[in-house]
N, C-alpha and C. Protein backbone atom coordinates (compact mmCIF):
# COMPACT_ATOMS: atom_id res chain seq x y z
N MET A 1 -27.53 45.36 -39.12
CA MET A 1 -27.96 44.65 -40.30
C MET A 1 -29.42 44.23 -40.18
N LYS A 2 -29.81 43.77 -38.97
CA LYS A 2 -31.18 43.33 -38.74
C LYS A 2 -32.16 44.47 -39.01
N HIS A 3 -31.82 45.67 -38.55
CA HIS A 3 -32.71 46.82 -38.74
C HIS A 3 -32.79 47.23 -40.20
N ILE A 4 -31.69 47.07 -40.93
CA ILE A 4 -31.70 47.38 -42.35
C ILE A 4 -32.63 46.42 -43.08
N CYS A 5 -32.57 45.13 -42.74
CA CYS A 5 -33.44 44.14 -43.38
C CYS A 5 -34.91 44.45 -43.10
N ILE A 6 -35.23 44.76 -41.85
CA ILE A 6 -36.61 45.09 -41.51
C ILE A 6 -37.05 46.32 -42.27
N PHE A 7 -36.18 47.33 -42.38
CA PHE A 7 -36.52 48.55 -43.11
C PHE A 7 -36.79 48.23 -44.58
N LEU A 8 -35.91 47.43 -45.21
CA LEU A 8 -36.10 47.10 -46.62
C LEU A 8 -37.37 46.29 -46.85
N PHE A 9 -37.66 45.33 -45.97
CA PHE A 9 -38.89 44.57 -46.10
C PHE A 9 -40.11 45.46 -45.89
N SER A 10 -39.98 46.41 -44.98
CA SER A 10 -41.09 47.34 -44.73
C SER A 10 -41.38 48.16 -45.98
N ILE A 11 -40.35 48.62 -46.65
CA ILE A 11 -40.53 49.38 -47.88
C ILE A 11 -41.22 48.52 -48.93
N LEU A 12 -40.80 47.27 -49.04
CA LEU A 12 -41.43 46.35 -49.99
C LEU A 12 -42.89 46.14 -49.66
N ILE A 13 -43.20 45.96 -48.39
CA ILE A 13 -44.59 45.73 -47.99
C ILE A 13 -45.44 46.95 -48.24
N ILE A 14 -44.91 48.14 -48.00
CA ILE A 14 -45.66 49.35 -48.30
C ILE A 14 -46.05 49.35 -49.77
N GLY A 15 -45.10 49.02 -50.62
CA GLY A 15 -45.38 48.95 -52.05
C GLY A 15 -46.41 47.90 -52.37
N CYS A 16 -46.35 46.78 -51.67
CA CYS A 16 -47.29 45.69 -51.93
C CYS A 16 -48.68 46.00 -51.40
N SER A 17 -48.79 46.88 -50.41
CA SER A 17 -50.10 47.13 -49.83
C SER A 17 -50.66 48.50 -50.17
N SER A 18 -49.98 49.24 -51.03
CA SER A 18 -50.50 50.56 -51.38
C SER A 18 -51.70 50.41 -52.29
N PRO A 19 -52.62 51.37 -52.24
CA PRO A 19 -53.82 51.28 -53.05
C PRO A 19 -53.49 51.23 -54.54
N THR A 20 -54.33 50.56 -55.27
CA THR A 20 -54.16 50.50 -56.70
C THR A 20 -54.58 51.81 -57.35
N THR A 21 -54.03 52.10 -58.50
CA THR A 21 -54.41 53.32 -59.20
C THR A 21 -55.64 53.11 -60.07
N SER A 22 -56.09 51.89 -60.18
CA SER A 22 -57.28 51.60 -60.96
C SER A 22 -58.51 52.16 -60.27
N THR A 23 -59.38 52.78 -61.04
CA THR A 23 -60.59 53.34 -60.45
C THR A 23 -61.74 52.36 -60.51
N THR A 24 -61.59 51.24 -61.22
CA THR A 24 -62.68 50.31 -61.37
C THR A 24 -62.64 49.15 -60.39
N SER A 25 -61.49 48.86 -59.81
CA SER A 25 -61.38 47.73 -58.90
C SER A 25 -60.58 48.11 -57.67
N GLU A 26 -61.02 47.59 -56.55
CA GLU A 26 -60.25 47.79 -55.33
C GLU A 26 -59.32 46.60 -55.13
N THR A 27 -58.27 46.83 -54.36
CA THR A 27 -57.28 45.78 -54.14
C THR A 27 -57.49 45.13 -52.79
N THR A 28 -57.49 43.82 -52.80
CA THR A 28 -57.56 43.01 -51.60
C THR A 28 -56.17 42.42 -51.38
N THR A 29 -55.66 42.57 -50.16
CA THR A 29 -54.32 42.06 -49.85
C THR A 29 -54.42 41.05 -48.72
N TYR A 30 -53.78 39.90 -48.93
CA TYR A 30 -53.69 38.87 -47.90
C TYR A 30 -52.22 38.64 -47.58
N PHE A 31 -51.87 38.76 -46.30
CA PHE A 31 -50.56 38.36 -45.80
C PHE A 31 -50.77 37.01 -45.12
N LEU A 32 -50.09 35.99 -45.59
CA LEU A 32 -50.25 34.65 -45.03
C LEU A 32 -48.94 34.21 -44.39
N ILE A 33 -49.02 33.78 -43.13
CA ILE A 33 -47.84 33.44 -42.34
C ILE A 33 -48.11 32.15 -41.58
N ARG A 34 -47.13 31.29 -41.56
CA ARG A 34 -47.20 30.13 -40.68
C ARG A 34 -46.88 30.61 -39.26
N HIS A 35 -47.49 29.98 -38.27
CA HIS A 35 -47.19 30.33 -36.88
C HIS A 35 -45.69 30.25 -36.63
N ALA A 36 -45.24 30.97 -35.61
CA ALA A 36 -43.82 30.98 -35.25
C ALA A 36 -43.43 29.66 -34.55
N GLU A 37 -42.15 29.54 -34.22
CA GLU A 37 -41.62 28.30 -33.65
C GLU A 37 -42.36 27.89 -32.38
N LYS A 38 -42.80 26.64 -32.36
CA LYS A 38 -43.54 26.13 -31.22
C LYS A 38 -42.64 25.29 -30.33
N ASP A 39 -43.04 25.16 -29.08
CA ASP A 39 -42.30 24.38 -28.09
C ASP A 39 -42.57 22.90 -28.33
N LEU A 40 -41.53 22.17 -28.70
CA LEU A 40 -41.66 20.74 -28.99
C LEU A 40 -41.15 19.86 -27.86
N SER A 41 -40.96 20.45 -26.67
CA SER A 41 -40.37 19.69 -25.56
C SER A 41 -41.28 18.58 -25.04
N ASP A 42 -42.58 18.69 -25.23
CA ASP A 42 -43.51 17.65 -24.81
C ASP A 42 -44.29 17.17 -26.04
N PRO A 43 -43.86 16.09 -26.66
CA PRO A 43 -44.50 15.63 -27.88
C PRO A 43 -45.97 15.22 -27.70
N ARG A 44 -46.41 15.04 -26.45
CA ARG A 44 -47.82 14.70 -26.20
C ARG A 44 -48.72 15.93 -26.15
N ASN A 45 -48.13 17.12 -26.10
CA ASN A 45 -48.91 18.35 -26.00
C ASN A 45 -49.38 18.79 -27.40
N PRO A 46 -50.69 18.71 -27.66
CA PRO A 46 -51.20 19.08 -28.99
C PRO A 46 -51.35 20.60 -29.17
N ASN A 47 -51.16 21.35 -28.09
CA ASN A 47 -51.38 22.80 -28.16
C ASN A 47 -50.25 23.56 -27.44
N PRO A 48 -49.03 23.44 -27.95
CA PRO A 48 -47.90 24.07 -27.25
C PRO A 48 -47.84 25.59 -27.43
N MET A 49 -47.12 26.20 -26.52
CA MET A 49 -46.83 27.63 -26.59
C MET A 49 -45.71 27.84 -27.62
N LEU A 50 -45.34 29.10 -27.84
CA LEU A 50 -44.18 29.41 -28.67
C LEU A 50 -42.91 29.30 -27.84
N THR A 51 -41.82 29.02 -28.51
CA THR A 51 -40.51 29.07 -27.85
C THR A 51 -40.09 30.53 -27.74
N GLU A 52 -38.99 30.77 -27.08
CA GLU A 52 -38.46 32.14 -27.00
C GLU A 52 -38.19 32.68 -28.42
N LYS A 53 -37.61 31.83 -29.25
CA LYS A 53 -37.36 32.22 -30.65
C LYS A 53 -38.67 32.52 -31.37
N GLY A 54 -39.71 31.74 -31.08
CA GLY A 54 -41.02 31.97 -31.67
C GLY A 54 -41.62 33.30 -31.24
N ASN A 55 -41.48 33.64 -29.96
CA ASN A 55 -41.98 34.94 -29.47
C ASN A 55 -41.26 36.09 -30.14
N ILE A 56 -39.95 35.93 -30.33
CA ILE A 56 -39.18 36.97 -31.03
C ILE A 56 -39.66 37.10 -32.47
N ARG A 57 -39.89 35.95 -33.13
CA ARG A 57 -40.37 35.99 -34.52
C ARG A 57 -41.75 36.65 -34.61
N ALA A 58 -42.63 36.36 -33.67
CA ALA A 58 -43.97 36.97 -33.69
C ALA A 58 -43.87 38.50 -33.63
N LYS A 59 -42.98 39.00 -32.78
CA LYS A 59 -42.78 40.45 -32.69
C LYS A 59 -42.15 40.99 -33.97
N LYS A 60 -41.28 40.20 -34.58
CA LYS A 60 -40.64 40.59 -35.83
C LYS A 60 -41.69 40.71 -36.95
N TRP A 61 -42.64 39.75 -36.99
CA TRP A 61 -43.71 39.85 -37.99
C TRP A 61 -44.49 41.15 -37.82
N ALA A 62 -44.79 41.50 -36.58
CA ALA A 62 -45.53 42.75 -36.32
C ALA A 62 -44.73 43.95 -36.81
N ALA A 63 -43.42 43.95 -36.58
CA ALA A 63 -42.58 45.06 -37.04
C ALA A 63 -42.53 45.12 -38.56
N ILE A 64 -42.42 43.98 -39.20
CA ILE A 64 -42.35 43.93 -40.66
C ILE A 64 -43.65 44.40 -41.28
N LEU A 65 -44.77 44.03 -40.68
CA LEU A 65 -46.08 44.40 -41.23
C LEU A 65 -46.54 45.80 -40.78
N ALA A 66 -45.79 46.42 -39.89
CA ALA A 66 -46.19 47.72 -39.32
C ALA A 66 -46.51 48.79 -40.36
N PRO A 67 -45.81 48.87 -41.49
CA PRO A 67 -46.14 49.92 -42.45
C PRO A 67 -47.51 49.74 -43.12
N SER A 68 -48.05 48.55 -43.05
CA SER A 68 -49.35 48.27 -43.67
C SER A 68 -50.47 48.53 -42.67
N SER A 69 -51.55 49.03 -43.16
CA SER A 69 -52.74 49.21 -42.33
C SER A 69 -53.55 47.91 -42.40
N ILE A 70 -53.49 47.14 -41.33
CA ILE A 70 -54.14 45.82 -41.29
C ILE A 70 -55.58 45.99 -40.81
N ASP A 71 -56.51 45.43 -41.57
CA ASP A 71 -57.93 45.50 -41.22
C ASP A 71 -58.38 44.30 -40.40
N TYR A 72 -57.83 43.12 -40.71
CA TYR A 72 -58.24 41.90 -40.03
C TYR A 72 -57.03 41.02 -39.75
N VAL A 73 -57.09 40.31 -38.61
CA VAL A 73 -56.09 39.30 -38.28
C VAL A 73 -56.85 38.03 -37.94
N TYR A 74 -56.53 36.94 -38.66
CA TYR A 74 -57.18 35.65 -38.47
C TYR A 74 -56.18 34.64 -37.94
N SER A 75 -56.63 33.81 -37.01
CA SER A 75 -55.81 32.78 -36.39
C SER A 75 -56.67 31.55 -36.13
N THR A 76 -56.05 30.38 -36.18
CA THR A 76 -56.76 29.18 -35.73
C THR A 76 -56.87 29.24 -34.20
N GLN A 77 -57.51 28.25 -33.61
CA GLN A 77 -57.74 28.24 -32.16
C GLN A 77 -56.51 27.86 -31.35
N PHE A 78 -55.44 27.44 -32.02
CA PHE A 78 -54.25 26.96 -31.30
C PHE A 78 -53.44 28.10 -30.72
N LEU A 79 -52.81 27.84 -29.57
CA LEU A 79 -52.00 28.86 -28.90
C LEU A 79 -50.90 29.40 -29.80
N ARG A 80 -50.23 28.52 -30.54
CA ARG A 80 -49.10 28.96 -31.36
C ARG A 80 -49.52 29.95 -32.44
N THR A 81 -50.71 29.79 -33.01
CA THR A 81 -51.16 30.76 -34.01
C THR A 81 -51.65 32.04 -33.34
N LYS A 82 -52.36 31.90 -32.25
CA LYS A 82 -52.84 33.10 -31.53
C LYS A 82 -51.67 33.93 -31.01
N LEU A 83 -50.65 33.26 -30.48
CA LEU A 83 -49.49 33.98 -29.96
C LEU A 83 -48.69 34.64 -31.08
N THR A 84 -48.69 34.05 -32.26
CA THR A 84 -48.04 34.67 -33.41
C THR A 84 -48.84 35.88 -33.88
N ALA A 85 -50.16 35.77 -33.81
CA ALA A 85 -51.03 36.85 -34.27
C ALA A 85 -51.11 38.03 -33.31
N THR A 86 -50.91 37.79 -32.04
CA THR A 86 -51.14 38.82 -31.02
C THR A 86 -50.36 40.11 -31.24
N PRO A 87 -49.05 40.09 -31.47
CA PRO A 87 -48.34 41.37 -31.68
C PRO A 87 -48.84 42.15 -32.90
N ILE A 88 -49.22 41.43 -33.95
CA ILE A 88 -49.74 42.08 -35.16
C ILE A 88 -51.08 42.74 -34.85
N ALA A 89 -51.96 42.01 -34.17
CA ALA A 89 -53.28 42.54 -33.83
C ALA A 89 -53.15 43.74 -32.88
N GLN A 90 -52.28 43.62 -31.90
CA GLN A 90 -52.11 44.72 -30.94
C GLN A 90 -51.57 45.97 -31.64
N LYS A 91 -50.60 45.80 -32.50
CA LYS A 91 -49.99 46.94 -33.20
C LYS A 91 -51.02 47.65 -34.07
N ASN A 92 -51.96 46.90 -34.62
CA ASN A 92 -52.98 47.46 -35.52
C ASN A 92 -54.31 47.74 -34.84
N LYS A 93 -54.37 47.43 -33.54
CA LYS A 93 -55.58 47.67 -32.75
C LYS A 93 -56.82 47.02 -33.38
N VAL A 94 -56.64 45.75 -33.77
CA VAL A 94 -57.74 44.97 -34.30
C VAL A 94 -57.83 43.66 -33.52
N PRO A 95 -59.02 43.09 -33.40
CA PRO A 95 -59.13 41.82 -32.69
C PRO A 95 -58.60 40.67 -33.54
N ILE A 96 -58.30 39.57 -32.88
CA ILE A 96 -57.95 38.34 -33.59
C ILE A 96 -59.24 37.56 -33.79
N THR A 97 -59.52 37.23 -35.03
CA THR A 97 -60.69 36.43 -35.35
C THR A 97 -60.25 34.98 -35.51
N THR A 98 -60.86 34.09 -34.75
CA THR A 98 -60.54 32.67 -34.83
C THR A 98 -61.30 32.05 -36.00
N TYR A 99 -60.61 31.20 -36.76
CA TYR A 99 -61.26 30.57 -37.91
C TYR A 99 -61.02 29.07 -37.90
N ALA A 100 -61.90 28.37 -38.58
CA ALA A 100 -61.72 26.94 -38.84
C ALA A 100 -61.11 26.84 -40.24
N PRO A 101 -59.97 26.17 -40.39
CA PRO A 101 -59.29 26.14 -41.69
C PRO A 101 -60.15 25.69 -42.86
N ASN A 102 -61.06 24.76 -42.63
CA ASN A 102 -61.88 24.27 -43.73
C ASN A 102 -63.01 25.23 -44.12
N LYS A 103 -63.17 26.33 -43.38
CA LYS A 103 -64.25 27.27 -43.67
C LYS A 103 -63.75 28.69 -43.95
N LEU A 104 -62.44 28.90 -43.89
CA LEU A 104 -61.93 30.27 -43.97
C LEU A 104 -62.21 30.94 -45.30
N LEU A 105 -61.90 30.32 -46.40
CA LEU A 105 -61.99 30.99 -47.68
C LEU A 105 -63.38 30.87 -48.31
N SER A 106 -64.39 31.04 -47.49
CA SER A 106 -65.77 30.98 -47.96
C SER A 106 -66.11 32.24 -48.74
N LYS A 107 -67.24 32.21 -49.39
CA LYS A 107 -67.72 33.38 -50.14
C LYS A 107 -67.91 34.57 -49.19
N ASP A 108 -68.43 34.32 -47.99
CA ASP A 108 -68.63 35.40 -47.01
C ASP A 108 -67.30 36.01 -46.59
N PHE A 109 -66.28 35.16 -46.35
CA PHE A 109 -64.96 35.67 -45.98
C PHE A 109 -64.40 36.54 -47.09
N LYS A 110 -64.46 36.07 -48.31
CA LYS A 110 -63.92 36.84 -49.44
C LYS A 110 -64.66 38.17 -49.61
N GLN A 111 -65.96 38.17 -49.38
CA GLN A 111 -66.72 39.42 -49.48
C GLN A 111 -66.35 40.37 -48.35
N LYS A 112 -66.21 39.85 -47.13
CA LYS A 112 -65.86 40.67 -45.97
C LYS A 112 -64.49 41.31 -46.13
N THR A 113 -63.54 40.59 -46.70
CA THR A 113 -62.17 41.09 -46.81
C THR A 113 -61.88 41.80 -48.13
N LYS A 114 -62.84 41.88 -49.01
CA LYS A 114 -62.63 42.52 -50.30
C LYS A 114 -62.24 43.99 -50.09
N GLY A 115 -61.14 44.38 -50.71
CA GLY A 115 -60.66 45.74 -50.60
C GLY A 115 -59.94 46.04 -49.30
N LYS A 116 -59.73 45.03 -48.50
CA LYS A 116 -59.09 45.19 -47.18
C LYS A 116 -57.72 44.51 -47.18
N THR A 117 -57.01 44.70 -46.08
CA THR A 117 -55.73 44.03 -45.87
C THR A 117 -55.89 43.09 -44.69
N THR A 118 -55.65 41.81 -44.94
CA THR A 118 -55.92 40.77 -43.96
C THR A 118 -54.67 39.92 -43.73
N VAL A 119 -54.41 39.63 -42.46
CA VAL A 119 -53.32 38.71 -42.09
C VAL A 119 -53.96 37.40 -41.67
N ILE A 120 -53.44 36.31 -42.22
CA ILE A 120 -53.92 34.98 -41.86
C ILE A 120 -52.74 34.20 -41.30
N ILE A 121 -52.87 33.78 -40.05
CA ILE A 121 -51.85 32.96 -39.40
C ILE A 121 -52.36 31.53 -39.40
N GLY A 122 -51.56 30.63 -39.95
CA GLY A 122 -51.98 29.24 -40.04
C GLY A 122 -50.86 28.28 -39.77
N HIS A 123 -50.93 27.15 -40.44
CA HIS A 123 -50.04 26.02 -40.18
C HIS A 123 -49.31 25.61 -41.45
N SER A 124 -48.37 24.67 -41.30
CA SER A 124 -47.54 24.24 -42.43
C SER A 124 -48.36 23.64 -43.57
N ASN A 125 -49.54 23.12 -43.25
CA ASN A 125 -50.38 22.54 -44.29
C ASN A 125 -51.51 23.47 -44.74
N THR A 126 -51.98 24.36 -43.85
CA THR A 126 -53.12 25.20 -44.23
C THR A 126 -52.70 26.43 -45.05
N ILE A 127 -51.56 27.04 -44.72
CA ILE A 127 -51.14 28.23 -45.45
C ILE A 127 -50.93 27.92 -46.95
N PRO A 128 -50.20 26.87 -47.31
CA PRO A 128 -50.08 26.56 -48.75
C PRO A 128 -51.43 26.27 -49.41
N SER A 129 -52.31 25.60 -48.70
CA SER A 129 -53.64 25.31 -49.24
C SER A 129 -54.42 26.59 -49.50
N PHE A 130 -54.37 27.54 -48.55
CA PHE A 130 -55.06 28.83 -48.74
C PHE A 130 -54.49 29.56 -49.96
N ILE A 131 -53.17 29.56 -50.07
CA ILE A 131 -52.53 30.26 -51.20
C ILE A 131 -52.97 29.63 -52.51
N ASN A 132 -52.96 28.30 -52.58
CA ASN A 132 -53.39 27.62 -53.79
C ASN A 132 -54.83 28.00 -54.15
N THR A 133 -55.68 28.09 -53.15
CA THR A 133 -57.08 28.47 -53.39
C THR A 133 -57.16 29.90 -53.90
N LEU A 134 -56.42 30.81 -53.28
CA LEU A 134 -56.44 32.21 -53.71
C LEU A 134 -55.86 32.37 -55.12
N LEU A 135 -54.80 31.62 -55.42
CA LEU A 135 -54.19 31.69 -56.75
C LEU A 135 -54.99 30.94 -57.81
N GLN A 136 -55.92 30.12 -57.35
CA GLN A 136 -56.76 29.31 -58.22
C GLN A 136 -55.95 28.29 -59.02
N LYS A 137 -54.88 27.80 -58.37
CA LYS A 137 -54.07 26.73 -58.97
C LYS A 137 -53.23 26.08 -57.88
N LYS A 138 -52.84 24.84 -58.12
CA LYS A 138 -52.00 24.10 -57.17
C LYS A 138 -50.55 24.47 -57.44
N LYS A 139 -49.98 25.29 -56.55
CA LYS A 139 -48.60 25.72 -56.71
C LYS A 139 -47.73 25.30 -55.53
N TYR A 140 -48.30 25.27 -54.33
CA TYR A 140 -47.52 25.03 -53.12
C TYR A 140 -47.91 23.73 -52.44
N ASP A 141 -46.90 23.01 -51.98
CA ASP A 141 -47.08 21.86 -51.10
C ASP A 141 -46.91 22.33 -49.67
N ASP A 142 -47.14 21.44 -48.72
CA ASP A 142 -46.97 21.79 -47.31
C ASP A 142 -45.57 22.37 -47.07
N LEU A 143 -45.50 23.29 -46.12
CA LEU A 143 -44.21 23.86 -45.75
C LEU A 143 -43.40 22.84 -44.98
N GLU A 144 -42.09 22.95 -45.06
CA GLU A 144 -41.21 22.07 -44.30
C GLU A 144 -41.39 22.34 -42.81
N HIS A 145 -41.13 21.32 -42.01
CA HIS A 145 -41.32 21.43 -40.56
C HIS A 145 -40.57 22.62 -39.95
N GLU A 146 -39.37 22.89 -40.43
CA GLU A 146 -38.54 23.96 -39.85
C GLU A 146 -38.77 25.31 -40.51
N ASP A 147 -39.69 25.40 -41.45
CA ASP A 147 -39.87 26.63 -42.22
C ASP A 147 -40.90 27.54 -41.55
N TYR A 148 -40.40 28.52 -40.80
CA TYR A 148 -41.26 29.47 -40.11
C TYR A 148 -41.11 30.89 -40.66
N GLY A 149 -40.29 31.08 -41.67
CA GLY A 149 -39.91 32.43 -42.06
C GLY A 149 -40.46 32.95 -43.38
N LYS A 150 -41.48 32.33 -43.94
CA LYS A 150 -42.00 32.81 -45.22
C LYS A 150 -43.22 33.71 -45.01
N LEU A 151 -43.20 34.81 -45.73
CA LEU A 151 -44.34 35.71 -45.78
C LEU A 151 -44.87 35.67 -47.20
N PHE A 152 -46.10 35.24 -47.34
CA PHE A 152 -46.76 35.17 -48.65
C PHE A 152 -47.70 36.37 -48.74
N ILE A 153 -47.60 37.10 -49.83
CA ILE A 153 -48.46 38.26 -50.05
C ILE A 153 -49.24 38.02 -51.33
N ILE A 154 -50.54 37.95 -51.20
CA ILE A 154 -51.42 37.77 -52.36
C ILE A 154 -52.26 39.03 -52.49
N LYS A 155 -52.21 39.63 -53.67
CA LYS A 155 -53.00 40.83 -53.96
C LYS A 155 -53.97 40.50 -55.09
N ILE A 156 -55.21 40.88 -54.88
CA ILE A 156 -56.23 40.63 -55.89
C ILE A 156 -56.87 41.97 -56.26
N THR A 157 -56.77 42.31 -57.53
CA THR A 157 -57.41 43.52 -58.07
C THR A 157 -58.21 43.09 -59.28
N GLY A 158 -59.52 43.12 -59.15
CA GLY A 158 -60.36 42.61 -60.23
C GLY A 158 -60.06 41.15 -60.47
N ASP A 159 -59.71 40.81 -61.70
CA ASP A 159 -59.36 39.43 -62.05
C ASP A 159 -57.85 39.17 -61.97
N GLN A 160 -57.08 40.19 -61.64
CA GLN A 160 -55.62 40.04 -61.58
C GLN A 160 -55.18 39.64 -60.18
N ILE A 161 -54.38 38.58 -60.12
CA ILE A 161 -53.84 38.10 -58.85
C ILE A 161 -52.33 38.15 -58.94
N THR A 162 -51.71 38.83 -57.96
CA THR A 162 -50.26 38.87 -57.91
C THR A 162 -49.80 38.21 -56.61
N GLU A 163 -48.61 37.68 -56.67
CA GLU A 163 -48.09 36.91 -55.55
C GLU A 163 -46.64 37.33 -55.29
N THR A 164 -46.32 37.53 -54.03
CA THR A 164 -44.96 37.82 -53.62
C THR A 164 -44.65 36.90 -52.44
N VAL A 165 -43.46 36.31 -52.46
CA VAL A 165 -43.02 35.45 -51.34
C VAL A 165 -41.72 36.02 -50.83
N LEU A 166 -41.68 36.31 -49.53
CA LEU A 166 -40.47 36.80 -48.88
C LEU A 166 -40.01 35.76 -47.89
N ASP A 167 -38.73 35.48 -47.89
CA ASP A 167 -38.15 34.56 -46.91
C ASP A 167 -37.44 35.40 -45.88
N ILE A 168 -38.00 35.47 -44.69
CA ILE A 168 -37.51 36.35 -43.64
C ILE A 168 -37.03 35.49 -42.48
N ASN A 169 -35.74 35.37 -42.35
CA ASN A 169 -35.21 34.55 -41.27
C ASN A 169 -34.33 35.31 -40.34
């Protein structure tokens, strides 16, 4: 059953990341993911590793995104985001670019990623904020503490913005 789900999500992602038929505008695709499950055993540790379940989820994200040709992978400086990003970056043979959440969606970033496919690994508060900025409206609040399984896909072609949300658990 697990392999069937991954296959079906892969087919959906291929459709979401395939080039547009429009000759006047290129399509920019953003995959936005919250980091995988972090180790909460030491509440004083501000930079925990992933749990075993988190490591499995990180590999699962790489498998789900495998049908897409990823151009960029962005992660914050925290171990949990970098460890979530690593399997995706390795599978696509691209480096992980570290970003500061308050500077990510700059004009330079948008120009650099225009027409490309970019994965952004963030946090329960930054991913919804990025999506709201990309959608140009306030739609999402912070993710719930236990919510590690949402994949947000934002596609921008010219002035048209489409959004897909997959819950992958």
